[in-house]
Protein backbone atom coordinates (compact mmCIF):
# COMPACT_ATOMS: atom_id res chain seq x y z
CA MET A 1 0.00 0.00 0.00
CA SER A 2 1.47 3.33 -0.99
CA SER A 3 1.92 5.66 1.92
CA ASP A 4 1.21 8.75 -0.18
CA ARG A 5 -2.35 7.64 -0.82
CA SER A 6 -3.45 6.62 2.67
CA PRO A 7 -3.13 8.08 6.17
CA PRO A 8 -0.36 6.50 8.26
CA LEU A 9 -0.52 3.64 10.73
CA LEU A 10 -0.16 4.43 14.45
CA ILE A 11 1.59 1.86 16.68
CA VAL A 12 0.90 2.27 20.42
CA GLU A 13 3.30 0.05 22.41
CA ASP A 14 5.37 0.83 25.54
CA ASP A 15 7.78 -2.08 24.98
CA LEU A 16 10.29 -0.49 22.61
CA ALA A 17 11.62 -3.83 21.37
CA LEU A 18 8.11 -5.02 20.50
CA GLN A 19 7.28 -1.63 19.02
CA LYS A 20 10.29 -2.01 16.72
CA GLN A 21 9.21 -5.56 15.80
CA ILE A 22 5.67 -4.41 14.91
CA LYS A 23 7.03 -1.56 12.84
CA TRP A 24 9.34 -3.98 11.01
CA SER A 25 6.43 -6.41 10.41
CA LEU A 26 4.39 -3.57 8.90
CA ASP A 27 7.16 -1.88 6.92
CA ALA A 28 4.84 -1.71 3.88
CA PHE A 29 2.91 1.02 5.72
CA GLU A 30 4.02 4.49 6.69
CA SER A 31 3.85 4.48 10.49
CA ALA A 32 4.14 6.59 13.63
CA ALA A 33 4.65 5.31 17.17
CA ALA A 34 3.59 6.22 20.71
CA GLN A 35 4.42 4.73 24.11
CA ASP A 36 1.55 5.89 26.36
CA ARG A 37 -1.91 7.40 26.28
CA PRO A 38 -0.96 11.13 26.11
CA SER A 39 1.57 10.60 23.31
CA ALA A 40 -0.92 8.36 21.45
CA LEU A 41 -3.64 11.04 21.59
CA LEU A 42 -1.16 13.65 20.38
CA ALA A 43 -0.09 11.39 17.50
CA LEU A 44 -3.73 10.67 16.62
CA ARG A 45 -4.47 14.38 16.27
CA ARG A 46 -1.20 15.10 14.47
CA HIS A 47 -1.10 12.23 11.97
CA GLN A 48 -4.82 11.37 11.68
CA PRO A 49 -4.11 7.66 11.12
CA ALA A 50 -6.58 5.32 9.45
CA VAL A 51 -5.44 2.29 11.50
CA VAL A 52 -4.04 1.95 15.03
CA THR A 53 -2.45 -1.09 16.66
CA MET A 54 -2.35 -0.85 20.45
CA ASP A 55 -1.54 -2.78 23.60
CA LEU A 56 -4.05 -2.47 26.43
CA GLY A 57 -1.35 -2.48 29.10
CA LEU A 58 0.13 1.01 29.04
CA PRO A 59 2.04 3.23 31.49
CA PRO A 60 1.77 4.28 34.24
CA ASP A 61 0.36 0.82 35.10
CA PRO A 62 1.29 -1.63 32.33
CA ASP A 63 -0.10 -4.56 34.32
CA SER A 64 -3.61 -3.06 34.21
CA THR A 65 -5.86 -2.54 31.18
CA SER A 66 -7.55 0.60 32.50
CA GLU A 67 -5.25 3.01 30.65
CA GLY A 68 -5.63 1.07 27.40
CA PHE A 69 -9.42 1.03 27.57
CA ARG A 70 -9.44 4.74 28.39
CA LEU A 71 -7.23 5.41 25.36
CA LEU A 72 -9.47 3.28 23.12
CA GLU A 73 -12.54 5.23 24.24
CA GLN A 74 -10.87 8.60 23.69
CA MET A 75 -9.52 7.69 20.25
CA LEU A 76 -12.96 6.63 19.03
CA GLU A 77 -14.45 9.84 20.41
CA ILE A 78 -11.90 11.90 18.45
CA ASP A 79 -12.24 9.83 15.26
CA PRO A 80 -15.13 7.32 15.11
CA TRP A 81 -13.84 6.01 11.75
CA VAL A 82 -10.35 4.99 12.90
CA LYS A 83 -9.74 1.22 12.89
CA VAL A 84 -8.18 0.08 16.17
CA ILE A 85 -6.55 -3.36 16.35
CA VAL A 86 -5.96 -4.47 19.96
CA LEU A 87 -2.97 -6.71 20.71
CA THR A 88 -3.59 -8.87 23.80
CA GLY A 89 -2.00 -11.70 25.75
CA GLN A 90 -3.01 -15.31 25.15
CA ASN A 91 -5.26 -15.40 28.24
CA GLU A 92 -6.94 -12.04 27.76
CA GLN A 93 -9.81 -12.98 25.47
CA ALA A 94 -12.33 -11.28 27.77
CA HIS A 95 -10.43 -7.99 27.44
CA ALA A 96 -10.27 -8.42 23.68
CA LEU A 97 -14.02 -8.99 23.41
CA ARG A 98 -14.67 -5.95 25.60
CA ALA A 99 -12.47 -3.86 23.32
CA VAL A 100 -14.39 -5.01 20.23
CA ALA A 101 -17.68 -4.25 22.00
CA MET A 102 -16.39 -0.71 22.65
CA GLY A 103 -15.70 -0.22 18.94
CA ALA A 104 -12.27 -1.76 18.22
CA TYR A 105 -11.97 -3.19 14.71
CA ASP A 106 -10.27 -6.48 15.68
CA PHE A 107 -7.86 -8.13 18.13
CA LEU A 108 -4.81 -10.37 17.87
CA ALA A 109 -3.16 -12.43 20.60
CA LYS A 110 0.56 -12.05 21.34
CA PRO A 111 2.93 -13.46 20.27
CA PHE A 112 1.51 -12.88 16.80
CA GLU A 113 2.46 -14.02 13.33
CA PRO A 114 3.78 -11.00 11.36
CA GLU A 115 1.95 -12.13 8.21
CA LEU A 116 -1.35 -12.38 10.09
CA LEU A 117 -0.95 -8.91 11.61
CA ALA A 118 -0.12 -7.47 8.18
CA LEU A 119 -3.26 -9.13 6.75
CA ILE A 120 -5.51 -7.71 9.50
CA VAL A 121 -4.01 -4.24 9.06
CA SER A 122 -4.48 -4.43 5.27
CA ARG A 123 -8.13 -5.39 5.72
CA ALA A 124 -8.61 -2.54 8.21
CA TYR A 125 -7.16 -0.09 5.70
CA ARG A 126 -9.41 -1.45 2.97
CA LEU A 127 -12.51 -1.04 5.15
CA TRP A 128 -11.45 2.50 6.09
CA GLU A 129 -11.01 3.38 2.42
CA LEU A 130 -14.39 1.88 1.46
CA GLN A 131 -16.16 3.79 4.23
CA ALA A 132 -14.40 7.04 3.26
CA GLU A 133 -15.44 6.53 -0.37
CA ASN A 134 -18.99 5.71 0.72
CA ARG A 135 -19.20 8.95 2.72
CA ARG A 136 -17.91 10.87 -0.30
CA LEU A 137 -20.46 9.23 -2.63
CA GLN A 138 -23.28 9.91 -0.18
CA ALA A 139 -22.29 13.57 -0.12
CA VAL A 140 -22.34 13.64 -3.93
CA ALA A 141 -25.59 11.66 -4.19
CA HIS A 142 -27.49 13.94 -1.79
CA PRO A 143 -26.20 17.43 -2.54
CA ASP A 144 -29.54 19.21 -2.29
CA ALA A 145 -30.49 18.63 1.35
CA LEU A 146 -28.76 21.86 2.43
CA ALA A 147 -28.37 23.43 -1.01
CA GLY A 148 -29.96 26.63 0.23
CA LEU A 149 -27.14 27.17 2.70
CA THR A 150 -23.94 28.66 1.27
CA THR A 151 -20.97 28.39 3.64
CA ARG A 152 -17.33 27.42 3.98
CA ASP A 153 -17.13 28.24 7.68
CA ALA A 154 -15.99 25.25 9.75
CA GLY A 155 -18.63 25.87 12.45
CA MET A 156 -21.49 26.07 9.95
CA LEU A 157 -20.25 22.99 8.09
CA LYS A 158 -20.29 21.13 11.40
CA ILE A 159 -23.90 22.23 11.92
CA CYS A 160 -24.78 20.97 8.43
CA ARG A 161 -23.34 17.55 9.26
CA LEU A 162 -25.32 17.53 12.53
CA ILE A 163 -28.54 18.37 10.66
CA GLU A 164 -27.87 15.53 8.21
CA ARG A 165 -27.23 13.08 11.06
CA VAL A 166 -30.44 13.83 12.96
CA ALA A 167 -32.62 14.15 9.84
CA GLY A 168 -33.48 10.45 9.73
CA SER A 169 -34.84 10.43 13.29
CA ASP A 170 -38.11 11.90 14.57
CA ALA A 171 -36.38 13.94 17.29
CA THR A 172 -37.70 17.46 17.82
CA VAL A 173 -35.06 20.03 16.86
CA MET A 174 -34.64 23.50 18.36
CA LEU A 175 -32.73 26.07 16.27
CA LEU A 176 -31.27 28.94 18.29
CA GLY A 177 -29.69 32.03 16.79
CA GLU A 178 -30.03 35.71 16.06
CA SER A 179 -32.65 36.92 13.60
CA GLY A 180 -31.58 36.47 10.01
CA THR A 181 -29.03 33.69 10.56
CA GLY A 182 -30.81 31.17 8.31
CA LYS A 183 -32.87 29.10 10.74
CA GLU A 184 -35.63 28.42 8.20
CA VAL A 185 -33.09 27.37 5.55
CA LEU A 186 -31.69 24.81 8.00
CA ALA A 187 -35.20 23.63 8.89
CA GLN A 188 -36.01 23.11 5.21
CA GLY A 189 -32.73 21.25 4.76
CA LEU A 190 -33.61 19.03 7.71
CA HIS A 191 -36.96 18.23 6.11
CA GLN A 192 -35.44 17.45 2.70
CA ALA A 193 -32.79 15.20 4.24
CA SER A 194 -35.42 13.35 6.29
CA ARG A 195 -37.15 11.92 3.20
CA ARG A 196 -40.52 12.51 4.88
CA SER A 197 -43.27 12.33 2.26
CA GLY A 198 -45.37 15.23 3.57
CA LYS A 199 -44.98 18.98 3.24
CA PHE A 200 -42.69 21.44 4.98
CA VAL A 201 -45.03 23.87 6.75
CA ALA A 202 -43.78 26.96 8.60
CA ILE A 203 -45.69 29.29 10.88
CA ASN A 204 -44.38 32.40 12.63
CA CYS A 205 -45.84 32.47 16.15
CA ALA A 206 -45.01 36.17 16.52
CA ALA A 207 -46.69 37.30 13.28
CA ILE A 208 -50.23 36.03 13.98
CA PRO A 209 -52.59 37.66 16.52
CA GLU A 210 -53.10 35.55 19.64
CA ASN A 211 -56.84 35.11 19.03
CA LEU A 212 -56.16 33.62 15.57
CA LEU A 213 -53.07 31.56 16.35
CA GLU A 214 -54.94 28.59 17.84
CA THR A 215 -57.08 28.08 14.74
CA GLU A 216 -54.00 28.55 12.53
CA LEU A 217 -52.25 25.74 14.38
CA PHE A 218 -55.08 23.33 15.16
CA GLY A 219 -57.80 24.29 12.65
CA HIS A 220 -61.51 24.66 13.44
CA GLU A 221 -64.83 22.98 12.76
CA LYS A 222 -67.70 24.63 10.92
CA GLY A 223 -69.72 26.74 13.36
CA ALA A 224 -67.00 26.74 16.03
CA PHE A 225 -67.30 30.54 16.26
CA THR A 226 -68.94 33.43 14.47
CA GLY A 227 -67.73 33.47 10.88
CA ALA A 228 -66.61 29.83 10.85
CA THR A 229 -68.64 28.92 7.78
CA LYS A 230 -66.59 25.84 6.92
CA THR A 231 -64.20 23.36 8.49
CA THR A 232 -60.59 24.49 8.19
CA VAL A 233 -57.52 22.30 8.56
CA GLY A 234 -54.73 23.78 10.72
CA LYS A 235 -51.00 23.95 10.06
CA ILE A 236 -50.27 20.86 12.19
CA GLU A 237 -52.65 18.71 10.14
CA THR A 238 -51.34 20.22 6.89
CA ALA A 239 -47.87 19.02 7.86
CA HIS A 240 -49.02 15.38 8.34
CA ARG A 241 -46.15 13.06 7.41
CA GLY A 242 -43.98 16.13 6.89
CA THR A 243 -42.25 18.78 8.99
CA LEU A 244 -43.78 21.63 10.98
CA MET A 245 -41.57 24.63 11.74
CA LEU A 246 -42.69 26.80 14.65
CA ASP A 247 -40.73 30.02 14.17
CA GLU A 248 -40.37 32.43 17.10
CA ILE A 249 -41.63 29.78 19.50
CA GLY A 250 -40.80 32.11 22.40
CA ASP A 251 -43.83 34.24 21.44
CA LEU A 252 -46.31 31.37 21.79
CA PRO A 253 -48.96 32.29 24.42
CA LEU A 254 -49.02 30.19 27.60
CA ALA A 255 -52.49 28.79 26.89
CA LEU A 256 -51.31 27.48 23.52
CA GLN A 257 -48.09 26.18 25.07
CA ALA A 258 -50.18 23.75 27.14
CA LYS A 259 -52.10 22.61 24.06
CA LEU A 260 -48.90 22.20 22.02
CA LEU A 261 -47.35 20.15 24.85
CA ARG A 262 -50.35 17.83 24.82
CA PHE A 263 -49.98 17.37 21.06
CA LEU A 264 -46.27 16.55 21.42
CA GLN A 265 -47.07 13.98 24.11
CA GLU A 266 -50.11 12.35 22.49
CA ARG A 267 -49.46 13.09 18.80
CA THR A 268 -53.17 13.85 18.39
CA ILE A 269 -55.04 17.15 18.02
CA GLU A 270 -58.59 18.43 18.34
CA ARG A 271 -59.76 21.21 16.07
CA VAL A 272 -61.31 24.26 17.71
CA GLY A 273 -64.97 23.41 18.25
CA GLY A 274 -64.36 19.72 17.58
CA ARG A 275 -64.44 16.66 19.82
CA GLN A 276 -62.74 14.11 17.62
CA GLU A 277 -59.09 13.32 18.22
CA ILE A 278 -57.06 13.35 15.00
CA ALA A 279 -53.75 11.48 14.86
CA VAL A 280 -50.96 13.44 13.18
CA ASP A 281 -47.49 12.19 12.20
CA VAL A 282 -45.32 15.27 12.02
CA ARG A 283 -41.69 16.22 12.69
CA VAL A 284 -41.53 19.42 14.76
CA VAL A 285 -38.74 21.97 14.36
CA CYS A 286 -38.84 25.17 16.39
CA ALA A 287 -36.73 28.30 16.23
CA THR A 288 -36.18 31.41 18.30
CA HIS A 289 -33.72 34.23 18.91
CA GLN A 290 -34.93 34.60 22.49
CA ASP A 291 -33.47 33.17 25.70
CA LEU A 292 -36.07 30.53 26.56
CA LYS A 293 -34.41 29.61 29.85
CA ALA A 294 -34.75 33.22 30.99
CA GLN A 295 -38.40 33.11 29.93
CA ILE A 296 -38.86 29.92 31.97
CA ALA A 297 -37.41 31.69 35.02
CA ASP A 298 -39.86 34.59 34.44
CA GLY A 299 -42.81 32.21 34.10
CA ARG A 300 -43.39 33.10 30.43
CA PHE A 301 -42.44 29.73 28.96
CA ARG A 302 -43.26 26.24 30.22
CA GLU A 303 -40.23 24.24 31.31
CA ASP A 304 -41.88 20.90 30.40
CA LEU A 305 -42.57 22.20 26.88
CA TYR A 306 -38.98 23.41 26.55
CA TYR A 307 -37.59 19.94 27.22
CA ARG A 308 -40.07 18.42 24.75
CA LEU A 309 -38.93 20.83 22.07
CA ALA A 310 -35.20 20.75 22.87
CA GLU A 311 -34.40 17.09 22.20
CA ILE A 312 -31.74 18.29 19.74
CA VAL A 313 -30.50 21.89 20.16
CA VAL A 314 -28.58 23.57 17.32
CA GLU A 315 -26.96 26.95 18.00
CA ILE A 316 -26.40 28.90 14.78
CA PRO A 317 -23.53 31.43 14.85
CA PRO A 318 -24.14 34.98 13.61
CA LEU A 319 -22.76 35.97 10.22
CA ARG A 320 -19.94 38.03 11.79
CA ALA A 321 -18.58 34.84 13.39
CA ARG A 322 -18.48 32.82 10.13
CA THR A 323 -15.08 33.00 8.45
CA GLY A 324 -15.37 34.27 4.87
CA ASP A 325 -19.14 33.73 4.64
CA ALA A 326 -20.16 37.39 4.31
CA VAL A 327 -18.17 37.83 1.08
CA LEU A 328 -19.05 34.35 -0.18
CA LEU A 329 -22.78 35.01 0.28
CA ALA A 330 -22.50 38.53 -1.13
CA HIS A 331 -21.11 37.14 -4.41
CA ALA A 332 -23.97 34.61 -4.60
CA PHE A 333 -26.65 37.24 -3.91
CA LEU A 334 -25.13 39.68 -6.41
CA ARG A 335 -25.24 37.05 -9.16
CA ARG A 336 -28.88 36.29 -8.34
CA PHE A 337 -30.04 39.92 -8.27
CA ALA A 338 -28.09 40.83 -11.40
CA GLN A 339 -29.84 37.99 -13.22
CA GLU A 340 -33.26 38.92 -11.86
CA GLN A 341 -32.83 42.57 -12.88
CA ARG A 342 -31.14 41.69 -16.18
CA ARG A 343 -28.15 43.84 -15.28
CA GLY A 344 -25.61 41.58 -16.98
CA ALA A 345 -22.38 40.81 -15.14
CA LEU A 346 -21.95 42.68 -11.85
CA SER A 347 -18.92 42.34 -9.59
CA PHE A 348 -17.61 43.89 -6.38
CA GLY A 349 -14.81 46.41 -6.27
CA GLU A 350 -11.96 45.99 -3.80
CA ASP A 351 -13.41 48.70 -1.54
CA ALA A 352 -16.77 46.88 -1.50
CA LEU A 353 -15.14 43.58 -0.52
CA ARG A 354 -13.22 45.22 2.32
CA ALA A 355 -16.40 46.97 3.48
CA ILE A 356 -18.31 43.67 3.54
CA GLU A 357 -15.52 41.99 5.51
CA ALA A 358 -15.33 44.85 8.02
CA HIS A 359 -19.07 45.30 8.63
CA ASP A 360 -20.50 43.67 11.78
CA TRP A 361 -23.79 42.57 10.11
CA PRO A 362 -26.13 42.94 13.12
CA GLY A 363 -29.02 41.86 10.86
CA ASN A 364 -27.04 38.84 9.66
CA VAL A 365 -27.83 37.24 6.29
CA ARG A 366 -31.14 39.10 5.99
CA GLU A 367 -29.33 42.43 6.26
CA LEU A 368 -26.71 41.29 3.73
CA ILE A 369 -29.44 40.35 1.23
CA ASN A 370 -31.04 43.79 1.53
CA VAL A 371 -27.69 45.62 1.20
CA VAL A 372 -26.62 43.64 -1.89
CA LYS A 373 -30.06 43.98 -3.53
CA ARG A 374 -29.94 47.75 -3.04
CA ALA A 375 -26.41 47.88 -4.45
CA SER A 376 -27.40 45.83 -7.51
CA ILE A 377 -30.01 48.49 -8.28
CA MET A 378 -27.91 51.55 -7.40
CA ALA A 379 -24.64 50.56 -9.11
CA GLU A 380 -24.15 52.70 -12.22
CA GLY A 381 -21.66 50.47 -14.02
CA GLY A 382 -20.65 46.84 -13.79
CA ARG A 383 -18.66 47.34 -10.59
CA VAL A 384 -20.36 47.61 -7.17
CA THR A 385 -18.61 50.00 -4.79
CA ALA A 386 -18.75 50.42 -1.02
CA THR A 387 -20.86 53.54 -1.60
CA ASP A 388 -23.39 51.47 -3.57
CA LEU A 389 -23.58 49.13 -0.59
CA GLY A 390 -24.06 52.02 1.82
CA LEU A 391 -21.02 50.85 3.79
CA LYS A 392 -17.73 52.51 4.67
CA ALA A 393 -14.60 50.77 3.42
CA PRO A 394 -11.80 50.51 6.01
CA GLU A 395 -8.38 51.92 5.22
CA THR A 396 -6.74 48.51 5.69
CA PRO A 397 -8.14 44.99 5.50
CA ALA A 398 -10.12 44.05 8.57
CA PRO A 399 -8.11 41.98 11.09
CA GLN A 400 -9.25 38.46 11.84
CA ALA A 401 -11.13 37.94 15.07
CA PRO A 402 -8.97 36.40 17.84
CA ALA A 403 -9.42 32.73 18.62
CA GLU A 404 -11.92 32.06 21.38
CA HIS A 405 -9.69 29.57 23.13
CA LEU A 406 -5.93 29.62 23.62
CA ASP A 407 -4.57 26.55 21.89
CA LEU A 408 -0.87 25.82 22.27
CA ASP A 409 -0.87 23.00 19.70
CA LEU A 410 1.19 24.60 16.91
CA ARG A 411 -0.18 22.23 14.27
CA THR A 412 -3.75 23.14 15.19
CA ILE A 413 -2.97 26.87 15.21
CA ARG A 414 -1.24 26.66 11.82
CA GLU A 415 -4.02 24.62 10.23
CA ARG A 416 -6.70 26.96 11.59
CA ALA A 417 -4.83 29.99 10.21
CA GLU A 418 -4.27 28.28 6.83
CA ARG A 419 -7.91 27.27 6.58
CA ASP A 420 -9.18 30.76 7.43
CA ALA A 421 -6.80 32.31 4.87
CA ILE A 422 -7.93 29.89 2.14
CA VAL A 423 -11.63 30.36 2.91
CA ASN A 424 -11.24 34.16 2.84
CA ALA A 425 -9.26 34.05 -0.41
CA LEU A 426 -11.81 31.78 -2.11
CA ALA A 427 -14.62 34.06 -0.94
CA ARG A 428 -12.88 37.15 -2.32
CA ALA A 429 -12.11 35.34 -5.59
CA ASN A 430 -15.75 34.24 -5.90
CA GLY A 431 -14.67 30.59 -5.91
CA ASN A 432 -11.97 31.02 -8.60
CA VAL A 433 -9.16 28.75 -7.39
CA LEU A 434 -6.53 30.26 -9.69
CA ARG A 435 -7.22 33.81 -8.44
CA ALA A 436 -7.31 32.59 -4.83
CA ALA A 437 -3.94 30.86 -5.32
CA GLU A 438 -2.47 34.11 -6.70
CA MET A 439 -3.75 36.01 -3.66
CA LEU A 440 -2.17 33.43 -1.35
CA GLY A 441 1.10 33.31 -3.28
CA VAL A 442 0.94 29.57 -4.01
CA SER A 443 0.44 27.46 -7.12
CA ARG A 444 -2.98 26.13 -8.03
CA PRO A 445 -1.95 22.45 -7.38
CA THR A 446 -0.61 23.48 -3.96
CA LEU A 447 -3.89 25.21 -3.14
CA TYR A 448 -5.86 22.14 -4.23
CA ASP A 449 -3.68 19.99 -1.96
CA LEU A 450 -4.22 22.40 0.96
CA MET A 451 -7.98 22.47 0.33
CA ASN A 452 -8.10 18.69 0.32
CA ARG A 453 -6.02 18.36 3.50
CA LEU A 454 -7.98 21.03 5.38
CA ALA A 455 -11.39 19.84 4.09
CA VAL A 456 -12.19 23.13 2.33
CA ARG A 457 -14.86 22.65 -0.31
């Protein structure tokens, strides 16, 4: 197996003679070695191996398996896809079975046959490669689930993966974030990825008067009140076998909170003026920019309803916290508005790009849409300026925000800085890799290699 095509092998063994023997047995693989749990975790993060061979008896107590099992658990938490092969003594089958139950790929008793170990490692590599290819094909086969969300920010990409993971379940999802951060786009993506056959139905709890909100949600029977000349189906019923999004859930009146809680518990509703219970199969997604826990403390939101709605909580960062996304989105919106208004090709000037990067965007993506739409109308030529945007361009490029946490791992710091620089360059270059490479002072093949290594898409 060529080492330039696959991640390396990690050998965790405190006996240096045995470590050398294992490395010699597996000389067909590029390998790294570690002698204890801390050095193994450091090597795992540094080298990102596909396969690990490890002894369960590690310092500071090599006669016990506790340190080995702790290491196994931590490695699988860091990288669930890594294939761990546990090397055990002849009389330690119980430990080996426990390791496999925890997620280890396989085990081999010592002393081992070098050819057998090489075969097991080769199979582990093959499985890792197949699973990696499968994940790549799944991403290609289902590109539309979150197609409405444009981002290269690492935090937002992590949220996208979380949405995709929970989409197949029926868990209720709560989306938290400032107004205009894209909560409805994520909710729609969740619905599309769920493969539910029904509709995606959204209702804004803050936009409908309290006296009408109950009938909007639950519907009403003919004659239920003055003016009810026919039976009307509510939003919950309309979303049967689909997804119901309750936007601004923090504005739901207390009386309706109790009725919504009953629906979430029983999965049945009664229309206003009706007596028949109607079973509804619906996935509920709620969203708010408010602090619901503070509302609970003030008696304005039911705690039992909160925990029903917050089975999965997703916190969406504001636009100002997403590396490169403001410029990336601005390019996408400008293309769309130029096409809609038949303006031909419009592009941003350097002052406009610096203004977009420097602006704090308190209104988030919604504010950005409005600013770019205005600029697409106001721009006199084919180049949009900072003045067209209504923003002030800074004298120098805006500095990057400081890291939230001090991280003394130089590799992590370097990779984070490289990734942010690449994302910002690609955003400025409107996705043109050649132009981004010129900005960064590297060749296009080098930039492609960096993008692949740092998972920049």
